[in-house]
Structures are given as structure tokens and as C-alpha cells.
Amino acid sequence: MYGVVRRIPSGRVATYGLVGMIAGRPLAARAVGNALRHCDERDLPFHRVVHADGLPAFPGHRTRLQREGVHFVGPRVDMNRYLWSPRLPQRQTKRPSL
């Protein structure tokens, strides 16, 4: 999960749900939040992970995001412009055996 957060580029944001999905746990948005809340790695850019509605988790995160060039519409990140869209791994489908 921390590896996914490290991949979010400066000037972009991801939602807790997106981080969970990329980490292989698509229904674990709350678990992502809990893991980041208890993380003590200072170099982890957890300020780039926001709620699905674009609200930063903590007030100080807004300032850090603005320093990276992220713009806000009211209190929310402009998700249409700044949502990170990583290349997702291709889903493998099972072929029926003949």
C-alpha cells in the first residue's frame, strides 16, 4: 500500500479507494486510511491521498497540495484535473477449458 502512495506523482492526488484497488484490495478504502494514519514514514507523500469527494484528510494537506500546484474548487481538490490515473494491470480472464 505504501508503495502505491509513493508512486503518486507530485501535483496529482489519488483517493483512498483507488490506492486500495491498485494495492489489490479494491474494497479497502478504510483500511488504507487507517494504515496511512498510523504510518510514521516522513517521506511518504500521504497528503496526496484524499477522500473520494476531493476533501483532504487533514487541513495541513491542502497547503502541501497547493505547493505542488494542485488547485481547489472551494474546499475540494479539482478531481477532474488532478486525479492520478495510473496504468492499471490487465485483468486476467480464465478461458474455459475445452
C-alpha atoms as a PDB file:
ATOM      1  CA  MET A   1       0.000   0.000   0.000  1.00  0.00           C
ATOM      2  CA  TYR A   2       2.805   2.418   0.859  1.00  0.00           C
ATOM      3  CA  GLY A   3       4.434   1.575  -2.472  1.00  0.00           C
ATOM      4  CA  VAL A   4       1.299   2.734  -4.290  1.00  0.00           C
ATOM      5  CA  VAL A   5       1.270   6.020  -2.364  1.00  0.00           C
ATOM      6  CA  ARG A   6       4.940   6.589  -3.270  1.00  0.00           C
ATOM      7  CA  ARG A   7       4.009   6.260  -6.959  1.00  0.00           C
ATOM      8  CA  ILE A   8       1.519   9.162  -6.886  1.00  0.00           C
ATOM      9  CA  PRO A   9       3.320  11.943  -8.743  1.00  0.00           C
ATOM     10  CA  SER A  10       3.736  15.424  -7.336  1.00  0.00           C
ATOM     11  CA  GLY A  11       0.811  17.592  -8.427  1.00  0.00           C
ATOM     12  CA  ARG A  12      -1.611  14.652  -8.525  1.00  0.00           C
ATOM     13  CA  VAL A  13      -3.923  13.023  -5.985  1.00  0.00           C
ATOM     14  CA  ALA A  14      -5.469   9.599  -5.514  1.00  0.00           C
ATOM     15  CA  THR A  15      -8.436   8.526  -3.443  1.00  0.00           C
ATOM     16  CA  TYR A  16      -8.233   6.013  -0.625  1.00  0.00           C
ATOM     17  CA  GLY A  17     -10.325   3.639  -2.734  1.00  0.00           C
ATOM     18  CA  LEU A  18      -8.015   3.977  -5.736  1.00  0.00           C
ATOM     19  CA  VAL A  19      -4.965   3.251  -3.589  1.00  0.00           C
ATOM     20  CA  GLY A  20      -6.714   0.145  -2.237  1.00  0.00           C
ATOM     21  CA  MET A  21      -7.673  -1.011  -5.727  1.00  0.00           C
ATOM     22  CA  ILE A  22      -4.130  -0.634  -7.080  1.00  0.00           C
ATOM     23  CA  ALA A  23      -2.763  -2.397  -3.989  1.00  0.00           C
ATOM     24  CA  GLY A  24      -5.019  -5.379  -4.768  1.00  0.00           C
ATOM     25  CA  ARG A  25      -7.663  -4.655  -2.112  1.00  0.00           C
ATOM     26  CA  PRO A  26     -10.478  -2.928  -4.021  1.00  0.00           C
ATOM     27  CA  LEU A  27     -12.880  -2.625  -1.070  1.00  0.00           C
ATOM     28  CA  ALA A  28     -10.329  -1.485   1.485  1.00  0.00           C
ATOM     29  CA  ALA A  29     -10.509   2.326   1.393  1.00  0.00           C
ATOM     30  CA  ARG A  30     -10.973   2.476   5.164  1.00  0.00           C
ATOM     31  CA  ALA A  31      -8.019   0.125   5.707  1.00  0.00           C
ATOM     32  CA  VAL A  32      -5.869   2.394   3.528  1.00  0.00           C
ATOM     33  CA  GLY A  33      -6.860   5.376   5.680  1.00  0.00           C
ATOM     34  CA  ASN A  34      -6.051   3.513   8.878  1.00  0.00           C
ATOM     35  CA  ALA A  35      -2.683   2.365   7.546  1.00  0.00           C
ATOM     36  CA  LEU A  36      -1.729   5.890   6.478  1.00  0.00           C
ATOM     37  CA  ARG A  37      -2.885   7.399   9.766  1.00  0.00           C
ATOM     38  CA  HIS A  38      -0.507   5.103  11.672  1.00  0.00           C
ATOM     39  CA  CYS A  39       2.402   5.461   9.264  1.00  0.00           C
ATOM     40  CA  ASP A  40       5.491   7.162  10.647  1.00  0.00           C
ATOM     41  CA  GLU A  41       7.481   7.311   7.402  1.00  0.00           C
ATOM     42  CA  ARG A  42       8.133  11.032   6.998  1.00  0.00           C
ATOM     43  CA  ASP A  43       8.981  10.791   3.300  1.00  0.00           C
ATOM     44  CA  LEU A  44       5.683   9.079   2.355  1.00  0.00           C
ATOM     45  CA  PRO A  45       3.551  11.612   0.405  1.00  0.00           C
ATOM     46  CA  PHE A  46       0.305  10.643   2.157  1.00  0.00           C
ATOM     47  CA  HIS A  47      -1.005  14.204   1.697  1.00  0.00           C
ATOM     48  CA  ARG A  48      -1.683  13.191  -1.927  1.00  0.00           C
ATOM     49  CA  VAL A  49      -4.369  10.727  -0.834  1.00  0.00           C
ATOM     50  CA  VAL A  50      -7.769  12.400  -0.470  1.00  0.00           C
ATOM     51  CA  HIS A  51     -11.367  11.387   0.170  1.00  0.00           C
ATOM     52  CA  ALA A  52     -13.474  10.364  -2.842  1.00  0.00           C
ATOM     53  CA  ASP A  53     -15.174  13.776  -2.828  1.00  0.00           C
ATOM     54  CA  GLY A  54     -11.806  15.564  -3.088  1.00  0.00           C
ATOM     55  CA  LEU A  55     -11.517  16.701   0.524  1.00  0.00           C
ATOM     56  CA  PRO A  56      -8.037  16.362   2.028  1.00  0.00           C
ATOM     57  CA  ALA A  57      -7.955  14.236   5.173  1.00  0.00           C
ATOM     58  CA  PHE A  58      -6.244  16.908   7.278  1.00  0.00           C
ATOM     59  CA  PRO A  59      -6.157  20.726   6.979  1.00  0.00           C
ATOM     60  CA  GLY A  60      -2.364  20.858   6.522  1.00  0.00           C
ATOM     61  CA  HIS A  61      -2.596  18.638   3.466  1.00  0.00           C
ATOM     62  CA  ARG A  62      -4.322  21.398   1.482  1.00  0.00           C
ATOM     63  CA  THR A  63      -1.285  23.649   1.881  1.00  0.00           C
ATOM     64  CA  ARG A  64       1.114  20.895   0.832  1.00  0.00           C
ATOM     65  CA  LEU A  65      -1.007  20.084  -2.226  1.00  0.00           C
ATOM     66  CA  GLN A  66      -1.220  23.744  -3.223  1.00  0.00           C
ATOM     67  CA  ARG A  67       2.586  23.972  -3.030  1.00  0.00           C
ATOM     68  CA  GLU A  68       2.671  21.131  -5.576  1.00  0.00           C
ATOM     69  CA  GLY A  69       0.362  23.078  -7.925  1.00  0.00           C
ATOM     70  CA  VAL A  70      -2.922  21.331  -7.123  1.00  0.00           C
ATOM     71  CA  HIS A  71      -5.906  23.687  -7.399  1.00  0.00           C
ATOM     72  CA  PHE A  72      -9.046  23.549  -5.311  1.00  0.00           C
ATOM     73  CA  VAL A  73     -12.667  24.311  -6.059  1.00  0.00           C
ATOM     74  CA  GLY A  74     -13.869  25.569  -2.695  1.00  0.00           C
ATOM     75  CA  PRO A  75     -12.562  23.128  -0.078  1.00  0.00           C
ATOM     76  CA  ARG A  76     -12.117  20.241  -2.560  1.00  0.00           C
ATOM     77  CA  VAL A  77      -9.373  19.229  -4.967  1.00  0.00           C
ATOM     78  CA  ASP A  78     -10.389  19.718  -8.592  1.00  0.00           C
ATOM     79  CA  MET A  79     -10.604  15.965  -9.176  1.00  0.00           C
ATOM     80  CA  ASN A  80     -11.255  16.345 -12.924  1.00  0.00           C
ATOM     81  CA  ARG A  81      -7.823  17.893 -13.360  1.00  0.00           C
ATOM     82  CA  TYR A  82      -5.657  16.367 -10.630  1.00  0.00           C
ATOM     83  CA  LEU A  83      -6.826  12.785 -10.096  1.00  0.00           C
ATOM     84  CA  TRP A  84      -3.944  10.421 -10.808  1.00  0.00           C
ATOM     85  CA  SER A  85      -4.768   7.850 -13.463  1.00  0.00           C
ATOM     86  CA  PRO A  86      -2.143   5.134 -13.238  1.00  0.00           C
ATOM     87  CA  ARG A  87      -1.794   2.361 -15.703  1.00  0.00           C
ATOM     88  CA  LEU A  88      -3.688  -0.481 -14.101  1.00  0.00           C
ATOM     89  CA  PRO A  89      -2.572  -4.079 -14.527  1.00  0.00           C
ATOM     90  CA  GLN A  90      -4.563  -6.016 -17.078  1.00  0.00           C
ATOM     91  CA  ARG A  91      -7.106  -8.336 -15.572  1.00  0.00           C
ATOM     92  CA  GLN A  92      -6.549 -11.936 -16.434  1.00  0.00           C
ATOM     93  CA  THR A  93      -9.658 -13.788 -17.511  1.00  0.00           C
ATOM     94  CA  LYS A  94      -9.874 -17.508 -17.362  1.00  0.00           C
ATOM     95  CA  ARG A  95     -10.598 -19.193 -20.635  1.00  0.00           C
ATOM     96  CA  PRO A  96     -12.965 -22.114 -20.492  1.00  0.00           C
ATOM     97  CA  SER A  97     -11.156 -25.370 -20.982  1.00  0.00           C
ATOM     98  CA  LEU A  98     -12.300 -27.411 -23.913  1.00  0.00           C
END
